[in-house]
């Protein structure tokens, strides 16, 4: 039972499963000792030992055992203090005794630890002069238990001190919970919390707090910074803002949405807050929402916009989409053959592919007994340098890289320079991203082709759909070639899965010609 209980460096590490099992076994033994010795008057040392030797040590319970000996006289208390100081770190015991708000016990621990009285006596004397709540607050604050200290401070009804302490330690949620039934103080703390959230760039939460306080001016500004245009405009309307300022805010939000490619939201703002049907239709067309553009043009009886806005929007969307599909085709035609060429090189001469040339003048050991050791330190750099795989134990002093070298390797990997060992990985990831982009563009292509057909542009619709079908065929062929069936493992040991290509549904009207 009298094992080493002082904290070691190893104890700071994260406990493993075996140590947790060992700790549970020790705790069960301690529980048995406590149950067997509790009613025997002369076993206080064993009781203290059973508490302190738990995993983790229960120092508070051990100190309670010491404090419970006071009715039996000072001699037993001193003996118990000496025993518990032998078992545990005296500095931790002193802090725990303070945490129990037992100043006499803290003095005994400090005296036994032979602390300099000038270090603790003035502090303890000052605590002794305080009221109970103020003393508990001061102790918890000294020990860094800020949440408990705040509760004691709130009990003192010193709201100015509470505000200062909450602001210093960012304890807004705890303070709000304590004052939830005191509306006036709750509102003050909520405003402080909102300002704090604003300073931490948590604009959406700050807007929620300001809106709770009916501070619609600050709420609207916070929502705008959070790009929540619906809440921003709604709160601005509740201020209420003058019409010209409300329009300026709506225009700014619409511009922000357009810059972030949220064309549907930008169109909604133009339509609902600016009553600008042409601009709304243009935004819908930019986002390939041609059905919505058609709907509002007809709804607001501005059929002239069909020729002035919708048709040009279709042509602009067609130009953008054909450019994207042409770029995808060019990328596939350039990268897939290069990947095929690199695969052939790697299969024919893997040593040269991974740049594993060994200097002829190097001292290569020929002793069989040293082969495993040297292979793990020298040979590991040939293939594992670029694949992050290790076939054996690597000598720490021989192969450890500095963080600077690792960052350099990561930059080389990201660039994927032609002719480097990272080129194949770079090209494969590039093809993967291309397939993901093609998948995401299918809905836009479908809407574009549909409305080109509806607006009488069958030839253009056929051209766009033909390019899309061609790109899909190229992607389908390259998946089986680029992303091999053996599915290599990635750096974290996981399986590299091939991308999934969605099925593109063509229109039945013109794909076979007219």
Protein backbone atom coordinates (compact mmCIF):
# COMPACT_ATOMS: atom_id res chain seq x y z
CA UNK A 1 0.00 0.00 0.00
CA UNK A 2 2.89 2.32 0.67
CA UNK A 3 3.72 2.82 -2.95
CA UNK A 4 5.20 5.97 -4.46
CA UNK A 5 2.45 8.58 -4.41
CA UNK A 6 4.36 11.69 -5.40
CA UNK A 7 3.52 12.83 -8.96
CA UNK A 8 6.06 11.66 -11.51
CA UNK A 9 6.60 12.92 -15.03
CA UNK A 10 5.06 9.73 -16.40
CA UNK A 11 1.83 10.38 -14.52
CA UNK A 12 1.27 13.51 -16.56
CA UNK A 13 0.91 11.47 -19.71
CA UNK A 14 -2.47 10.29 -20.90
CA UNK A 15 -3.39 7.08 -19.03
CA UNK A 16 -3.56 3.96 -21.12
CA UNK A 17 -6.11 1.19 -20.83
CA UNK A 18 -3.74 -0.96 -18.75
CA UNK A 19 -3.11 1.84 -16.24
CA UNK A 20 -6.85 2.45 -15.94
CA UNK A 21 -7.39 -1.24 -15.15
CA UNK A 22 -4.56 -1.15 -12.65
CA UNK A 23 -6.05 1.95 -11.04
CA UNK A 24 -9.47 0.33 -10.71
CA UNK A 25 -7.87 -2.70 -9.01
CA UNK A 26 -6.03 -0.43 -6.54
CA UNK A 27 -9.26 1.43 -5.81
CA UNK A 28 -11.12 -1.80 -5.09
CA UNK A 29 -8.40 -2.84 -2.64
CA UNK A 30 -8.57 0.57 -0.96
CA UNK A 31 -12.36 0.28 -0.67
CA UNK A 32 -12.01 -3.09 1.05
CA UNK A 33 -9.49 -1.65 3.53
CA UNK A 34 -11.74 1.33 4.27
CA UNK A 35 -14.73 -0.92 4.87
CA UNK A 36 -12.79 -3.28 7.14
CA UNK A 37 -10.93 -0.64 9.19
CA UNK A 38 -13.58 2.07 9.51
CA UNK A 39 -14.87 0.96 12.92
CA UNK A 40 -11.47 0.33 14.48
CA UNK A 41 -10.19 3.29 16.41
CA UNK A 42 -6.43 2.76 16.07
CA UNK A 43 -6.20 2.49 12.30
CA UNK A 44 -6.35 6.16 11.27
CA UNK A 45 -3.03 5.90 9.40
CA UNK A 46 -4.30 3.00 7.35
CA UNK A 47 -7.50 4.90 6.59
CA UNK A 48 -5.52 7.91 5.42
CA UNK A 49 -3.27 5.66 3.35
CA UNK A 50 -6.27 3.98 1.70
CA UNK A 51 -7.62 7.39 0.65
CA UNK A 52 -4.34 8.90 -0.56
CA UNK A 53 -3.15 5.78 -2.40
CA UNK A 54 -6.20 5.65 -4.65
CA UNK A 55 -5.78 6.24 -8.37
CA UNK A 56 -6.13 9.21 -8.65
CA UNK A 57 -5.35 10.12 -5.01
CA UNK A 58 -8.36 11.31 -3.01
CA UNK A 59 -6.54 14.00 -1.04
CA UNK A 60 -9.72 15.70 0.14
CA UNK A 61 -10.96 12.50 1.77
CA UNK A 62 -7.55 11.98 3.35
CA UNK A 63 -7.65 15.50 4.80
CA UNK A 64 -11.15 14.89 6.12
CA UNK A 65 -9.77 11.86 7.96
CA UNK A 66 -7.10 14.12 9.50
CA UNK A 67 -9.60 16.81 10.47
CA UNK A 68 -11.85 14.20 12.07
CA UNK A 69 -9.13 13.43 14.61
CA UNK A 70 -9.36 16.85 16.30
CA UNK A 71 -11.61 15.66 19.15
CA UNK A 72 -8.95 13.07 20.00
CA UNK A 73 -6.30 15.68 20.71
CA UNK A 74 -3.55 17.68 19.04
CA UNK A 75 -1.02 14.84 19.27
CA UNK A 76 -3.02 12.53 17.00
CA UNK A 77 -3.71 15.34 14.56
CA UNK A 78 0.01 16.13 14.30
CA UNK A 79 0.78 12.45 13.80
CA UNK A 80 -1.85 12.20 11.05
CA UNK A 81 -0.53 15.36 9.36
CA UNK A 82 2.99 13.96 9.40
CA UNK A 83 1.73 10.71 7.88
CA UNK A 84 -0.27 12.30 5.06
CA UNK A 85 2.61 14.66 4.23
CA UNK A 86 4.81 11.59 3.89
CA UNK A 87 2.39 10.06 1.39
CA UNK A 88 1.61 13.05 -0.82
CA UNK A 89 3.08 16.27 -2.12
CA UNK A 90 2.80 18.89 0.62
CA UNK A 91 2.11 21.70 -1.83
CA UNK A 92 -0.91 19.86 -3.21
CA UNK A 93 -2.04 19.08 0.33
CA UNK A 94 -1.81 22.75 1.27
CA UNK A 95 -3.94 23.76 -1.72
CA UNK A 96 -6.47 21.03 -0.99
CA UNK A 97 -6.70 22.07 2.64
CA UNK A 98 -7.40 25.61 1.50
CA UNK A 99 -9.97 24.25 -0.94
CA UNK A 100 -11.80 22.69 2.03
CA UNK A 101 -11.88 26.20 3.61
CA UNK A 102 -10.13 24.76 6.69
CA UNK A 103 -7.54 27.38 7.63
CA UNK A 104 -6.31 25.52 10.73
CA UNK A 105 -5.59 22.41 8.70
CA UNK A 106 -3.82 24.52 6.06
CA UNK A 107 -1.61 26.01 8.82
CA UNK A 108 -0.70 22.54 10.10
CA UNK A 109 0.21 21.34 6.60
CA UNK A 110 2.29 24.47 5.95
CA UNK A 111 4.12 24.13 9.27
CA UNK A 112 4.91 20.48 8.67
CA UNK A 113 6.15 21.31 5.18
CA UNK A 114 8.50 23.85 6.78
CA UNK A 115 7.19 26.65 4.60
CA UNK A 116 8.41 30.14 5.34
CA UNK A 117 5.76 31.72 7.59
CA UNK A 118 6.15 34.97 5.68
CA UNK A 119 4.78 33.15 2.63
CA UNK A 120 1.49 31.94 4.10
CA UNK A 121 0.74 33.55 7.47
CA UNK A 122 -0.24 37.04 6.20
CA UNK A 123 -2.45 35.46 3.56
CA UNK A 124 -4.16 33.13 6.02
CA UNK A 125 -4.57 35.90 8.60
CA UNK A 126 -6.21 38.10 6.01
CA UNK A 127 -8.57 35.26 5.11
CA UNK A 128 -9.43 34.74 8.77
CA UNK A 129 -10.64 38.36 9.07
CA UNK A 130 -13.10 38.00 6.15
CA UNK A 131 -16.71 36.97 6.23
CA UNK A 132 -17.44 33.38 5.25
CA UNK A 133 -18.57 34.05 1.67
CA UNK A 134 -15.77 36.55 1.04
CA UNK A 135 -13.25 34.04 2.42
CA UNK A 136 -14.57 31.25 0.22
CA UNK A 137 -14.49 33.56 -2.81
CA UNK A 138 -10.89 34.60 -2.08
CA UNK A 139 -9.73 31.01 -1.61
CA UNK A 140 -11.39 29.75 -4.80
CA UNK A 141 -10.00 32.69 -6.74
CA UNK A 142 -6.52 31.99 -5.35
CA UNK A 143 -6.81 28.33 -6.37
CA UNK A 144 -8.04 29.21 -9.85
CA UNK A 145 -11.52 27.79 -9.28
CA UNK A 146 -13.16 30.76 -10.93
CA UNK A 147 -16.62 29.28 -11.39
CA UNK A 148 -16.94 28.44 -7.70
CA UNK A 149 -15.48 31.82 -6.80
CA UNK A 150 -18.13 33.53 -8.93
CA UNK A 151 -20.94 31.73 -7.10
CA UNK A 152 -19.62 32.94 -3.75
CA UNK A 153 -19.18 36.45 -5.13
CA UNK A 154 -22.76 36.48 -6.42
CA UNK A 155 -23.91 35.49 -2.93
CA UNK A 156 -22.24 38.61 -1.53
CA UNK A 157 -24.61 40.79 -3.57
CA UNK A 158 -21.66 42.82 -4.90
CA UNK A 159 -22.84 43.22 -8.48
CA UNK A 160 -20.08 45.63 -9.54
CA UNK A 161 -17.46 43.11 -8.40
CA UNK A 162 -19.40 40.39 -10.21
CA UNK A 163 -19.31 42.33 -13.48
CA UNK A 164 -15.57 42.93 -13.15
CA UNK A 165 -14.86 39.28 -12.31
CA UNK A 166 -17.10 37.98 -15.10
CA UNK A 167 -15.41 40.22 -17.64
CA UNK A 168 -11.92 39.24 -16.43
CA UNK A 169 -12.51 35.47 -16.64
CA UNK A 170 -15.23 35.33 -19.35
CA UNK A 171 -17.74 33.65 -17.02
CA UNK A 172 -20.81 35.06 -18.76
CA UNK A 173 -22.78 31.82 -18.97
CA UNK A 174 -22.29 31.04 -15.28
CA UNK A 175 -23.28 34.55 -14.25
CA UNK A 176 -26.35 34.49 -16.51
CA UNK A 177 -27.40 31.19 -14.99
CA UNK A 178 -27.12 32.61 -11.46
CA UNK A 179 -29.09 35.80 -12.24
CA UNK A 180 -31.68 34.22 -14.55
CA UNK A 181 -34.55 35.24 -12.25
CA UNK A 182 -33.30 38.82 -11.71
CA UNK A 183 -34.33 40.56 -14.91
CA UNK A 184 -32.45 43.83 -14.52
CA UNK A 185 -29.09 42.28 -13.65
CA UNK A 186 -29.66 39.53 -16.21
CA UNK A 187 -30.09 42.13 -18.94
CA UNK A 188 -26.88 43.92 -17.91
CA UNK A 189 -24.92 40.67 -18.05
CA UNK A 190 -26.56 39.69 -21.35
CA UNK A 191 -25.41 42.99 -22.86
CA UNK A 192 -21.87 42.35 -21.60
CA UNK A 193 -22.01 38.86 -23.09
CA UNK A 194 -23.21 40.22 -26.42
CA UNK A 195 -20.35 42.71 -26.55
CA UNK A 196 -17.91 39.93 -25.71
CA UNK A 197 -19.28 37.70 -28.47
CA UNK A 198 -18.99 40.60 -30.89
CA UNK A 199 -15.33 41.09 -29.93
CA UNK A 200 -14.70 37.37 -30.50
CA UNK A 201 -16.20 37.53 -34.03
CA UNK A 202 -19.11 35.32 -32.97
CA UNK A 203 -21.49 37.62 -34.78
CA UNK A 204 -24.49 35.31 -35.08
CA UNK A 205 -24.59 34.63 -31.33
CA UNK A 206 -23.98 38.31 -30.60
CA UNK A 207 -26.93 39.22 -32.81
CA UNK A 208 -29.12 36.74 -30.92
CA UNK A 209 -28.12 38.32 -27.58
CA UNK A 210 -28.74 41.87 -28.82
CA UNK A 211 -32.09 40.85 -30.26
CA UNK A 212 -33.07 39.34 -26.89
CA UNK A 213 -32.39 42.79 -25.39
CA UNK A 214 -34.46 44.44 -28.14
CA UNK A 215 -31.35 46.30 -29.24
CA UNK A 216 -32.21 45.97 -32.92
CA UNK A 217 -29.55 48.44 -34.10
CA UNK A 218 -26.65 46.36 -32.80
CA UNK A 219 -28.47 43.14 -33.64
CA UNK A 220 -28.85 44.19 -37.27
CA UNK A 221 -25.17 45.09 -37.50
CA UNK A 222 -24.10 41.79 -35.91
CA UNK A 223 -26.31 39.77 -38.24
CA UNK A 224 -24.89 41.65 -41.21
CA UNK A 225 -21.35 40.76 -40.15
CA UNK A 226 -22.52 37.15 -39.78
CA UNK A 227 -23.92 37.26 -43.35
CA UNK A 228 -27.41 36.52 -42.01
CA UNK A 229 -29.21 38.92 -44.29
CA UNK A 230 -32.74 37.83 -43.28
CA UNK A 231 -32.23 38.68 -39.59
CA UNK A 232 -30.26 41.82 -40.39
CA UNK A 233 -32.98 43.31 -42.57
CA UNK A 234 -35.75 42.20 -40.21
CA UNK A 235 -34.08 43.84 -37.20
CA UNK A 236 -33.38 46.95 -39.26
CA UNK A 237 -37.07 47.15 -40.08
CA UNK A 238 -37.92 46.93 -36.36
CA UNK A 239 -35.65 49.87 -35.38
CA UNK A 240 -37.17 51.22 -37.67
CA UNK A 241 -34.62 52.54 -40.15
CA UNK A 242 -35.60 55.29 -42.61
CA UNK A 243 -36.42 53.96 -46.05
CA UNK A 244 -33.26 55.32 -47.69
CA UNK A 245 -31.02 53.71 -45.02
CA UNK A 246 -32.96 50.46 -45.27
CA UNK A 247 -32.46 50.43 -49.05
CA UNK A 248 -28.75 51.13 -48.63
CA UNK A 249 -28.46 48.23 -46.20
CA UNK A 250 -30.37 45.93 -48.57
CA UNK A 251 -28.14 46.92 -51.50
CA UNK A 252 -25.02 46.25 -49.43
CA UNK A 253 -26.33 42.85 -48.33
CA UNK A 254 -27.33 41.94 -51.88
CA UNK A 255 -23.84 42.85 -53.05
CA UNK A 256 -22.30 40.72 -50.29
CA UNK A 257 -24.46 37.75 -51.28
CA UNK A 258 -23.52 38.15 -54.94
CA UNK A 259 -19.81 38.27 -54.07
CA UNK A 260 -20.15 35.06 -52.07
CA UNK A 261 -21.96 33.40 -55.04
CA UNK A 262 -25.24 33.21 -53.11
CA UNK A 263 -27.24 34.45 -56.06
CA UNK A 264 -30.59 33.13 -54.83
CA UNK A 265 -30.36 35.25 -51.65
CA UNK A 266 -29.18 38.27 -53.64
CA UNK A 267 -32.16 37.91 -55.98
CA UNK A 268 -34.55 37.61 -53.03
CA UNK A 269 -33.22 40.85 -51.52
CA UNK A 270 -33.59 42.69 -54.82
CA UNK A 271 -37.13 41.42 -55.18
CA UNK A 272 -38.48 41.76 -51.62
CA UNK A 273 -36.65 44.81 -50.27
CA UNK A 274 -35.68 46.80 -53.36
CA UNK A 275 -38.62 45.86 -55.63
CA UNK A 276 -36.14 45.56 -58.48
CA UNK A 277 -37.47 42.82 -60.73
CA UNK A 278 -34.81 43.12 -63.49
CA UNK A 279 -31.93 42.86 -61.00
CA UNK A 280 -33.63 39.96 -59.22
CA UNK A 281 -34.10 38.12 -62.53
CA UNK A 282 -30.42 38.71 -63.39
CA UNK A 283 -29.31 37.25 -60.04
CA UNK A 284 -31.53 34.21 -60.55
CA UNK A 285 -30.02 33.67 -63.98
CA UNK A 286 -26.47 33.95 -62.61
CA UNK A 287 -27.28 31.16 -60.17
CA UNK A 288 -28.89 29.07 -62.94
CA UNK A 289 -32.31 29.47 -61.28
CA UNK A 290 -34.04 30.17 -64.59
CA UNK A 291 -37.40 28.86 -63.40
CA UNK A 292 -37.52 31.48 -60.62
CA UNK A 293 -36.46 34.19 -63.04
CA UNK A 294 -39.25 33.17 -65.40
CA UNK A 295 -41.77 33.05 -62.55
CA UNK A 296 -41.15 36.56 -61.20
CA UNK A 297 -41.02 38.10 -64.69
CA UNK A 298 -44.46 36.70 -65.44
CA UNK A 299 -45.79 37.38 -61.92
CA UNK A 300 -44.92 41.07 -62.07
CA UNK A 301 -46.20 41.28 -65.66
CA UNK A 302 -42.90 42.38 -67.15
CA UNK A 303 -42.79 39.96 -70.06
CA UNK A 304 -40.36 42.20 -71.92
CA UNK A 305 -37.70 40.96 -69.49
CA UNK A 306 -37.89 37.51 -71.09
CA UNK A 307 -35.98 38.84 -74.07
CA UNK A 308 -34.05 41.49 -72.17
CA UNK A 309 -32.88 39.46 -69.14
CA UNK A 310 -33.75 35.76 -69.31
CA UNK A 311 -32.41 35.00 -72.79
CA UNK A 312 -29.12 36.92 -72.25
CA UNK A 313 -28.82 35.16 -68.89
CA UNK A 314 -29.17 31.80 -70.63
CA UNK A 315 -26.49 32.72 -73.16
CA UNK A 316 -24.17 33.97 -70.44
CA UNK A 317 -24.73 30.78 -68.44
CA UNK A 318 -24.05 28.69 -71.55
CA UNK A 319 -20.77 30.52 -72.20
CA UNK A 320 -19.64 30.03 -68.61
CA UNK A 321 -20.62 26.37 -68.50
CA UNK A 322 -19.09 25.45 -71.88
CA UNK A 323 -15.87 27.14 -70.77
CA UNK A 324 -15.86 25.08 -67.57
CA UNK A 325 -16.54 21.82 -69.41
CA UNK A 326 -13.85 22.61 -71.99
CA UNK A 327 -11.35 23.21 -69.18
CA UNK A 328 -12.32 19.90 -67.56
CA UNK A 329 -11.85 18.06 -70.85
CA UNK A 330 -8.45 19.63 -71.42
CA UNK A 331 -7.35 18.79 -67.89
CA UNK A 332 -8.40 15.15 -68.23
CA UNK A 333 -6.71 14.80 -71.62
CA UNK A 334 -3.48 16.21 -70.18
CA UNK A 335 -3.36 14.59 -66.73
CA UNK A 336 -4.65 11.06 -67.30
CA UNK A 337 -1.95 10.14 -69.90
CA UNK A 338 0.69 11.60 -67.59
CA UNK A 339 -0.59 9.48 -64.69
CA UNK A 340 -0.48 6.44 -66.97
CA UNK A 341 3.12 7.27 -67.89
CA UNK A 342 4.14 7.67 -64.23
CA UNK A 343 2.53 4.34 -63.32
CA UNK A 344 4.57 2.63 -66.03
CA UNK A 345 7.80 4.23 -64.76
CA UNK A 346 7.07 3.22 -61.18
CA UNK A 347 6.37 -0.38 -62.20
CA UNK A 348 9.50 -0.66 -64.37
CA UNK A 349 12.02 0.94 -61.99
CA UNK A 350 10.59 1.79 -58.57
CA UNK A 351 14.01 2.64 -57.10
CA UNK A 352 14.64 5.34 -59.68
CA UNK A 353 11.05 6.55 -59.41
CA UNK A 354 11.39 7.20 -55.67
CA UNK A 355 14.84 8.80 -56.16
CA UNK A 356 16.44 6.08 -54.07
CA UNK A 357 19.93 6.28 -55.54
CA UNK A 358 22.61 5.24 -53.06
CA UNK A 359 26.05 6.79 -53.17
CA UNK A 360 28.71 4.26 -54.26
CA UNK A 361 31.12 5.67 -51.69
CA UNK A 362 28.67 5.15 -48.86
CA UNK A 363 29.69 2.69 -46.20
CA UNK A 364 27.06 -0.03 -46.69
CA UNK A 365 27.34 -2.76 -44.04
CA UNK A 366 27.47 -6.35 -45.26
CA UNK A 367 27.14 -7.98 -41.87
CA UNK A 368 23.89 -9.95 -41.85
CA UNK A 369 23.41 -9.40 -38.13
CA UNK A 370 23.34 -5.64 -38.71
CA UNK A 371 21.09 -5.71 -41.75
CA UNK A 372 17.82 -5.20 -39.91
CA UNK A 373 19.18 -2.36 -37.82
CA UNK A 374 20.78 -0.51 -40.71
CA UNK A 375 17.87 -1.13 -43.04
CA UNK A 376 15.60 0.55 -40.54
CA UNK A 377 17.83 3.61 -40.35
CA UNK A 378 19.27 3.96 -43.86
CA UNK A 379 17.09 1.97 -46.22
CA UNK A 380 13.89 3.41 -44.76
CA UNK A 381 14.59 6.70 -46.51
CA UNK A 382 14.31 5.12 -49.98
CA UNK A 383 10.59 4.39 -50.09
CA UNK A 384 9.12 5.44 -46.78
CA UNK A 385 10.42 8.95 -47.29
CA UNK A 386 7.75 9.56 -49.90
CA UNK A 387 5.04 7.08 -48.89
CA UNK A 388 5.07 7.71 -45.12
CA UNK A 389 5.20 3.95 -44.57
CA UNK A 390 7.71 2.22 -42.36
CA UNK A 391 8.67 -1.44 -42.56
CA UNK A 392 10.38 -1.55 -39.19
CA UNK A 393 11.62 0.34 -36.18
CA UNK A 394 13.37 3.57 -37.06
CA UNK A 395 16.25 4.75 -34.95
CA UNK A 396 15.17 8.02 -33.39
CA UNK A 397 18.54 9.75 -33.48
CA UNK A 398 19.25 8.74 -37.08
CA UNK A 399 16.04 9.53 -38.96
CA UNK A 400 14.16 12.17 -36.97
CA UNK A 401 13.47 15.21 -39.11
CA UNK A 402 13.18 18.71 -37.92
CA UNK A 403 9.87 20.51 -38.23
CA UNK A 404 11.45 22.74 -40.86
CA UNK A 405 12.27 19.74 -43.06
CA UNK A 406 8.76 18.34 -42.63
CA UNK A 407 7.23 21.63 -43.69
CA UNK A 408 9.51 21.68 -46.73
CA UNK A 409 8.37 18.19 -47.68
CA UNK A 410 4.73 19.22 -47.31
CA UNK A 411 5.28 22.21 -49.60
CA UNK A 412 6.86 19.96 -52.20
CA UNK A 413 3.96 17.56 -51.89
CA UNK A 414 1.43 20.38 -52.35
CA UNK A 415 3.20 21.76 -55.44
CA UNK A 416 3.46 18.39 -57.15
CA UNK A 417 6.25 19.64 -59.42
CA UNK A 418 6.59 17.75 -62.68
CA UNK A 419 9.28 15.10 -62.45
CA UNK A 420 9.16 14.98 -58.65
CA UNK A 421 8.08 11.94 -56.69
CA UNK A 422 4.95 13.81 -55.58
CA UNK A 423 3.69 14.45 -59.11
CA UNK A 424 1.53 11.33 -59.31
CA UNK A 425 -0.18 12.02 -56.00
CA UNK A 426 -0.82 15.62 -57.03
CA UNK A 427 -2.33 14.60 -60.37
CA UNK A 428 -4.56 11.94 -58.82
CA UNK A 429 -5.91 14.44 -56.29
CA UNK A 430 -6.43 16.94 -59.09
CA UNK A 431 -8.52 14.43 -61.05
CA UNK A 432 -10.50 13.65 -57.90
CA UNK A 433 -11.33 17.34 -57.43
CA UNK A 434 -12.30 17.61 -61.09
CA UNK A 435 -14.79 14.73 -60.74
CA UNK A 436 -16.27 16.36 -57.65
CA UNK A 437 -16.66 19.62 -59.60
CA UNK A 438 -18.35 17.79 -62.48
CA UNK A 439 -20.75 16.19 -60.02
CA UNK A 440 -21.63 19.56 -58.49
CA UNK A 441 -22.19 21.10 -61.94
CA UNK A 442 -24.71 18.48 -63.09
CA UNK A 443 -27.75 20.25 -61.60
CA UNK A 444 -26.73 23.56 -63.13
CA UNK A 445 -26.16 21.93 -66.52
CA UNK A 446 -29.54 20.22 -66.30
CA UNK A 447 -31.36 23.49 -65.56
CA UNK A 448 -29.43 25.30 -68.28
CA UNK A 449 -30.19 22.67 -70.92
CA UNK A 450 -33.86 22.54 -69.91
CA UNK A 451 -34.40 26.29 -70.22
CA UNK A 452 -32.38 26.61 -73.41
CA UNK A 453 -34.81 24.09 -74.82
CA UNK A 454 -37.83 25.94 -73.43
CA UNK A 455 -36.66 29.22 -74.91
CA UNK A 456 -36.26 27.71 -78.36
CA UNK A 457 -32.49 27.30 -78.35
CA UNK A 458 -32.40 23.59 -79.14
CA UNK A 459 -29.04 23.65 -80.93
CA UNK A 460 -27.36 25.36 -78.00
CA UNK A 461 -29.01 22.94 -75.59
CA UNK A 462 -27.76 20.00 -77.66
CA UNK A 463 -24.23 21.44 -77.67
CA UNK A 464 -24.10 21.90 -73.89
CA UNK A 465 -25.58 18.48 -73.22
CA UNK A 466 -23.22 16.84 -75.71
CA UNK A 467 -20.21 18.34 -73.92
CA UNK A 468 -21.56 17.16 -70.58
CA UNK A 469 -22.12 13.61 -71.87
CA UNK A 470 -18.59 13.59 -73.27
CA UNK A 471 -17.08 14.78 -69.97
CA UNK A 472 -19.04 12.15 -68.07
CA UNK A 473 -17.71 9.43 -70.36
CA UNK A 474 -14.13 10.65 -69.89
CA UNK A 475 -14.56 10.71 -66.11
CA UNK A 476 -16.07 7.24 -66.09
CA UNK A 477 -13.16 5.82 -68.07
CA UNK A 478 -10.48 7.51 -66.00
CA UNK A 479 -11.88 6.34 -62.65
CA UNK A 480 -11.00 2.72 -63.35
CA UNK A 481 -7.54 3.70 -64.55
CA UNK A 482 -6.48 6.45 -62.15
CA UNK A 483 -8.05 5.05 -59.00
CA UNK A 484 -6.80 1.49 -59.18
CA UNK A 485 -8.77 -1.45 -57.91
CA UNK A 486 -6.18 -2.40 -55.29
CA UNK A 487 -6.98 0.85 -53.37
CA UNK A 488 -3.73 1.87 -51.72
CA UNK A 489 -3.67 3.09 -48.15
CA UNK A 490 -3.31 6.75 -47.30
CA UNK A 491 -0.91 8.28 -44.79
CA UNK A 492 -3.23 7.56 -41.85
CA UNK A 493 -3.66 3.92 -42.76
CA UNK A 494 -7.15 4.39 -44.21
CA UNK A 495 -8.33 3.13 -47.55
CA UNK A 496 -8.24 5.55 -50.47
CA UNK A 497 -11.64 5.13 -52.11
CA UNK A 498 -12.35 6.04 -55.69
CA UNK A 499 -14.68 9.01 -56.23
CA UNK A 500 -18.33 8.34 -57.02
CA UNK A 501 -19.58 9.77 -60.30
CA UNK A 502 -23.25 10.69 -60.35
CA UNK A 503 -25.42 9.60 -63.24
CA UNK A 504 -26.36 12.48 -65.53
CA UNK A 505 -29.92 12.43 -66.84
CA UNK A 506 -30.29 13.79 -70.36
CA UNK A 507 -33.42 15.39 -71.78
CA UNK A 508 -35.43 13.17 -74.14
CA UNK A 509 -36.21 15.91 -76.64
CA UNK A 510 -33.06 16.53 -78.60
CA UNK A 511 -30.21 14.25 -77.55
CA UNK A 512 -30.93 11.98 -80.53
CA UNK A 513 -31.25 14.93 -82.88
CA UNK A 514 -34.24 16.60 -84.50
